[in-house]
C-alpha atoms as a PDB file:
ATOM      1  CA  MET A   1       9.371   3.912 -22.581  1.00  0.00           C
ATOM      2  CA  LYS A   2      10.501   0.322 -22.291  1.00  0.00           C
ATOM      3  CA  ILE A   3       8.986  -1.962 -19.663  1.00  0.00           C
ATOM      4  CA  ALA A   4      10.038  -5.566 -18.749  1.00  0.00           C
ATOM      5  CA  PHE A   5       7.387  -8.103 -17.823  1.00  0.00           C
ATOM      6  CA  GLY A   6       7.816 -11.362 -16.132  1.00  0.00           C
ATOM      7  CA  CYS A   7       5.572 -13.986 -14.427  1.00  0.00           C
ATOM      8  CA  ASP A   8       5.353 -17.479 -13.373  1.00  0.00           C
ATOM      9  CA  ARG A   9       2.458 -19.717 -14.464  1.00  0.00           C
ATOM     10  CA  ASN A  10       0.209 -18.176 -11.684  1.00  0.00           C
ATOM     11  CA  GLY A  11       0.565 -14.649 -13.199  1.00  0.00           C
ATOM     12  CA  LEU A  12       0.510 -15.545 -16.835  1.00  0.00           C
ATOM     13  CA  TYR A  13      -2.953 -14.734 -17.480  1.00  0.00           C
ATOM     14  CA  TYR A  14      -2.697 -11.074 -16.094  1.00  0.00           C
ATOM     15  CA  LYS A  15       0.736 -10.569 -17.654  1.00  0.00           C
ATOM     16  CA  THR A  16      -0.671 -11.374 -21.149  1.00  0.00           C
ATOM     17  CA  LYS A  17      -3.575  -8.974 -20.535  1.00  0.00           C
ATOM     18  CA  LEU A  18      -1.315  -6.253 -19.187  1.00  0.00           C
ATOM     19  CA  ILE A  19       1.193  -6.402 -21.983  1.00  0.00           C
ATOM     20  CA  GLU A  20      -1.705  -5.958 -24.493  1.00  0.00           C
ATOM     21  CA  TYR A  21      -2.801  -3.049 -22.506  1.00  0.00           C
ATOM     22  CA  ALA A  22       0.483  -1.445 -22.391  1.00  0.00           C
ATOM     23  CA  LYS A  23       0.949  -1.777 -26.032  1.00  0.00           C
ATOM     24  CA  THR A  24      -2.206   0.143 -26.599  1.00  0.00           C
ATOM     25  CA  LYS A  25      -0.463   3.017 -24.572  1.00  0.00           C
ATOM     26  CA  GLY A  26       2.365   2.865 -27.122  1.00  0.00           C
ATOM     27  CA  LEU A  27       4.785   1.332 -24.622  1.00  0.00           C
ATOM     28  CA  ASP A  28       7.736  -0.800 -25.752  1.00  0.00           C
ATOM     29  CA  ILE A  29       7.561  -4.292 -24.202  1.00  0.00           C
ATOM     30  CA  CYS A  30      10.189  -6.758 -23.126  1.00  0.00           C
ATOM     31  CA  ASP A  31       8.475 -10.061 -22.226  1.00  0.00           C
ATOM     32  CA  VAL A  32      11.045 -12.442 -20.548  1.00  0.00           C
ATOM     33  CA  GLY A  33       8.350 -15.102 -19.762  1.00  0.00           C
ATOM     34  CA  THR A  34       7.005 -17.479 -18.748  1.00  0.00           C
ATOM     35  CA  TYR A  35       4.891 -18.344 -21.683  1.00  0.00           C
ATOM     36  CA  GLU A  36       3.281 -21.568 -20.688  1.00  0.00           C
ATOM     37  CA  TYR A  37       1.017 -22.775 -17.929  1.00  0.00           C
ATOM     38  CA  VAL A  38       3.601 -25.318 -16.602  1.00  0.00           C
ATOM     39  CA  PRO A  39       5.377 -25.218 -13.140  1.00  0.00           C
ATOM     40  CA  CYS A  40       8.287 -22.862 -13.129  1.00  0.00           C
ATOM     41  CA  ASP A  41      10.439 -20.937 -10.582  1.00  0.00           C
ATOM     42  CA  SER A  42       9.180 -17.346 -10.003  1.00  0.00           C
ATOM     43  CA  PRO A  43      12.714 -16.172  -8.753  1.00  0.00           C
ATOM     44  CA  TYR A  44      14.135 -16.957 -12.333  1.00  0.00           C
ATOM     45  CA  TYR A  45      11.805 -14.551 -14.085  1.00  0.00           C
ATOM     46  CA  ALA A  46      12.159 -11.885 -11.278  1.00  0.00           C
ATOM     47  CA  VAL A  47      15.652 -11.767 -11.867  1.00  0.00           C
ATOM     48  CA  LEU A  48      15.411 -11.547 -15.509  1.00  0.00           C
ATOM     49  CA  VAL A  49      13.119  -8.576 -15.222  1.00  0.00           C
ATOM     50  CA  GLY A  50      15.411  -7.106 -12.449  1.00  0.00           C
ATOM     51  CA  ARG A  51      18.500  -7.374 -14.715  1.00  0.00           C
ATOM     52  CA  GLU A  52      16.717  -5.679 -17.591  1.00  0.00           C
ATOM     53  CA  VAL A  53      15.823  -2.750 -15.426  1.00  0.00           C
ATOM     54  CA  ALA A  54      19.000  -2.554 -13.468  1.00  0.00           C
ATOM     55  CA  SER A  55      21.067  -2.467 -16.758  1.00  0.00           C
ATOM     56  CA  GLY A  56      19.002   0.333 -18.151  1.00  0.00           C
ATOM     57  CA  ARG A  57      17.550  -1.526 -21.071  1.00  0.00           C
ATOM     58  CA  CYS A  58      14.170  -1.076 -19.483  1.00  0.00           C
ATOM     59  CA  LYS A  59      12.978   1.850 -17.355  1.00  0.00           C
ATOM     60  CA  TYR A  60      10.464  -0.278 -15.357  1.00  0.00           C
ATOM     61  CA  GLY A  61       9.611  -3.771 -14.534  1.00  0.00           C
ATOM     62  CA  VAL A  62       6.483  -5.619 -13.762  1.00  0.00           C
ATOM     63  CA  LEU A  63       6.324  -9.147 -12.162  1.00  0.00           C
ATOM     64  CA  ILE A  64       3.210 -11.038 -11.488  1.00  0.00           C
ATOM     65  CA  CYS A  65       2.741 -14.357  -9.626  1.00  0.00           C
ATOM     66  CA  ALA A  66       0.026 -15.738  -7.365  1.00  0.00           C
ATOM     67  CA  THR A  67       0.691 -13.476  -4.392  1.00  0.00           C
ATOM     68  CA  GLY A  68       3.513 -11.212  -5.722  1.00  0.00           C
ATOM     69  CA  THR A  69       5.610 -11.664  -2.553  1.00  0.00           C
ATOM     70  CA  GLY A  70       8.137 -14.171  -4.077  1.00  0.00           C
ATOM     71  CA  MET A  71       8.671 -11.821  -6.858  1.00  0.00           C
ATOM     72  CA  VAL A  72       9.186  -8.914  -4.666  1.00  0.00           C
ATOM     73  CA  ILE A  73      11.860 -10.812  -2.621  1.00  0.00           C
ATOM     74  CA  ALA A  74      13.824 -12.075  -5.479  1.00  0.00           C
ATOM     75  CA  ALA A  75      13.707  -8.974  -7.492  1.00  0.00           C
ATOM     76  CA  ASN A  76      15.138  -6.902  -4.769  1.00  0.00           C
ATOM     77  CA  LYS A  77      18.127  -9.304  -4.575  1.00  0.00           C
ATOM     78  CA  VAL A  78      19.270  -7.610  -7.987  1.00  0.00           C
ATOM     79  CA  LYS A  79      21.540  -4.647  -7.421  1.00  0.00           C
ATOM     80  CA  GLY A  80      19.898  -1.617  -8.694  1.00  0.00           C
ATOM     81  CA  VAL A  81      16.223  -2.754  -8.187  1.00  0.00           C
ATOM     82  CA  MET A  82      13.803  -1.263  -5.858  1.00  0.00           C
ATOM     83  CA  CYS A  83      10.783  -3.453  -6.000  1.00  0.00           C
ATOM     84  CA  GLY A  84       7.274  -2.988  -4.225  1.00  0.00           C
ATOM     85  CA  MET A  85       4.026  -4.746  -4.011  1.00  0.00           C
ATOM     86  CA  GLY A  86       1.338  -2.967  -5.765  1.00  0.00           C
ATOM     87  CA  TYR A  87      -1.419  -3.848  -3.461  1.00  0.00           C
ATOM     88  CA  ASP A  88      -3.027  -0.399  -3.104  1.00  0.00           C
ATOM     89  CA  ASP A  89      -3.447   2.657  -5.340  1.00  0.00           C
ATOM     90  CA  GLU A  90      -1.870   5.090  -2.688  1.00  0.00           C
ATOM     91  CA  VAL A  91       0.993   2.579  -1.929  1.00  0.00           C
ATOM     92  CA  THR A  92       1.690   2.185  -5.651  1.00  0.00           C
ATOM     93  CA  LYS A  93       1.936   6.072  -6.016  1.00  0.00           C
ATOM     94  CA  LEU A  94       4.097   6.482  -3.053  1.00  0.00           C
ATOM     95  CA  MET A  95       6.429   3.756  -3.984  1.00  0.00           C
ATOM     96  CA  ARG A  96       7.411   5.735  -6.999  1.00  0.00           C
ATOM     97  CA  GLU A  97       7.010   9.135  -5.512  1.00  0.00           C
ATOM     98  CA  HIS A  98       8.932   8.493  -2.266  1.00  0.00           C
ATOM     99  CA  ASN A  99      11.050   5.547  -2.961  1.00  0.00           C
ATOM    100  CA  ASN A 100      11.841   5.663  -6.599  1.00  0.00           C
ATOM    101  CA  ALA A 101      10.778   2.019  -7.156  1.00  0.00           C
ATOM    102  CA  ASN A 102      11.493   0.799 -10.688  1.00  0.00           C
ATOM    103  CA  VAL A 103       9.893  -2.638 -10.401  1.00  0.00           C
ATOM    104  CA  ILE A 104       6.324  -3.418  -9.307  1.00  0.00           C
ATOM    105  CA  ALA A 105       4.821  -6.789  -8.454  1.00  0.00           C
ATOM    106  CA  PHE A 106       1.187  -8.068  -8.494  1.00  0.00           C
ATOM    107  CA  GLY A 107      -0.507 -11.075  -6.964  1.00  0.00           C
ATOM    108  CA  GLN A 108      -2.922 -12.518  -9.572  1.00  0.00           C
ATOM    109  CA  LYS A 109      -4.710 -14.669  -7.036  1.00  0.00           C
ATOM    110  CA  HIS A 110      -5.393 -11.813  -4.639  1.00  0.00           C
ATOM    111  CA  MET A 111      -6.113  -8.849  -7.052  1.00  0.00           C
ATOM    112  CA  GLU A 112      -8.687  -8.047  -9.656  1.00  0.00           C
ATOM    113  CA  TYR A 113      -7.274  -7.380 -13.111  1.00  0.00           C
ATOM    114  CA  GLU A 114      -8.845  -3.986 -12.986  1.00  0.00           C
ATOM    115  CA  GLU A 115      -6.842  -3.036 -10.066  1.00  0.00           C
ATOM    116  CA  VAL A 116      -3.604  -4.274 -11.588  1.00  0.00           C
ATOM    117  CA  GLU A 117      -4.252  -2.319 -14.670  1.00  0.00           C
ATOM    118  CA  ARG A 118      -4.998   0.864 -12.693  1.00  0.00           C
ATOM    119  CA  ARG A 119      -1.933   0.530 -10.642  1.00  0.00           C
ATOM    120  CA  PHE A 120       0.191  -0.109 -13.536  1.00  0.00           C
ATOM    121  CA  ASP A 121      -0.766   3.236 -14.825  1.00  0.00           C
ATOM    122  CA  ILE A 122      -0.162   4.916 -11.477  1.00  0.00           C
ATOM    123  CA  PHE A 123       3.286   3.295 -11.457  1.00  0.00           C
ATOM    124  CA  VAL A 124       4.505   4.281 -14.853  1.00  0.00           C
ATOM    125  CA  GLU A 125       2.958   7.818 -14.629  1.00  0.00           C
ATOM    126  CA  THR A 126       4.193   8.726 -11.245  1.00  0.00           C
ATOM    127  CA  GLU A 127       7.540  10.530 -11.050  1.00  0.00           C
ATOM    128  CA  PHE A 128      10.017  10.404  -8.064  1.00  0.00           C
ATOM    129  CA  SER A 129       9.603  13.538  -6.083  1.00  0.00           C
ATOM    130  CA  GLY A 130      13.289  13.697  -5.417  1.00  0.00           C
ATOM    131  CA  LEU A 131      12.807  15.736  -2.276  1.00  0.00           C
ATOM    132  CA  LYS A 132      15.883  15.987   0.041  1.00  0.00           C
ATOM    133  CA  HIS A 133      14.795  13.447   2.682  1.00  0.00           C
ATOM    134  CA  GLN A 134      13.308  11.004   0.155  1.00  0.00           C
ATOM    135  CA  ALA A 135      16.514  11.162  -2.014  1.00  0.00           C
ATOM    136  CA  ALA A 136      18.579  10.490   1.137  1.00  0.00           C
ATOM    137  CA  ARG A 137      16.531   7.501   2.117  1.00  0.00           C
ATOM    138  CA  VAL A 138      16.980   6.090  -1.501  1.00  0.00           C
ATOM    139  CA  GLN A 139      20.811   6.603  -1.360  1.00  0.00           C
ATOM    140  CA  GLN A 140      20.728   4.650   1.952  1.00  0.00           C
ATOM    141  CA  VAL A 141      19.273   1.652   0.161  1.00  0.00           C
ATOM    142  CA  LYS A 142      21.992   1.970  -2.480  1.00  0.00           C
ATOM    143  CA  ASP A 143      24.581   2.067   0.119  1.00  0.00           C
ATOM    144  CA  ILE A 144      23.197  -1.077   1.777  1.00  0.00           C
ATOM    145  CA  GLU A 145      23.670  -2.714  -1.691  1.00  0.00           C
ATOM    146  CA  LYS A 146      27.374  -1.632  -1.605  1.00  0.00           C
ATOM    147  CA  GLY A 147      27.703  -3.035   1.906  1.00  0.00           C
ATOM    148  CA  LYS A 148      28.336   0.282   3.590  1.00  0.00           C
ATOM    149  CA  VAL A 149      27.151   1.203   6.980  1.00  0.00           C
ATOM    150  CA  ILE A 150      24.237   3.689   6.965  1.00  0.00           C
ATOM    151  CA  GLN A 151      23.547   6.277   9.631  1.00  0.00           C
ATOM    152  CA  LEU A 152      20.205   7.336  10.916  1.00  0.00           C
ATOM    153  CA  THR A 153      19.205  10.564   9.643  1.00  0.00           C
ATOM    154  CA  PRO A 154      17.681  13.438  11.605  1.00  0.00           C
ATOM    155  CA  ILE A 155      13.973  13.903  11.200  1.00  0.00           C
ATOM    156  CA  LEU A 156      13.641  16.721   8.850  1.00  0.00           C
ATOM    157  CA  ASN A 157       9.933  17.419   9.551  1.00  0.00           C
ATOM    158  CA  PRO A 158       9.239  16.948  13.232  1.00  0.00           C
ATOM    159  CA  ASP A 159       5.517  17.852  12.634  1.00  0.00           C
ATOM    160  CA  TRP A 160       4.913  14.937  10.169  1.00  0.00           C
ATOM    161  CA  LYS A 161       2.773  12.234  11.381  1.00  0.00           C
END
């Protein structure tokens, strides 16, 4: 499995550590930068990672900046990218399982490295469930990317809370 990594200077320390960790797991790495602790634009690296994933050259992408938020916003502008913020273990699992996310973002200034490493594992090890209602919602997002009008779907399980 090949994974694209990108960061700005505020995420470089975690990115470097996480890449080394990913290599110990036998994963192939595509590191798009940044490589230096100098000011740079996080959207630039978010788009580079997003394009690697959207093209199919990489299965997943990982983005790290100070908060992760700017990376999420920019990455989701790339057609074919479904990026979420890995701020919680359960949320990380569900972004893969329910939303088929293919890129995850982390905030180095707001997360402990051990949390990031654990959530990275959760992200790459969790499969999309593909349940009918979840697949329909993922398709809705793809339709939005194409400029299509989407319709509200009926609630498939009225007992769900």
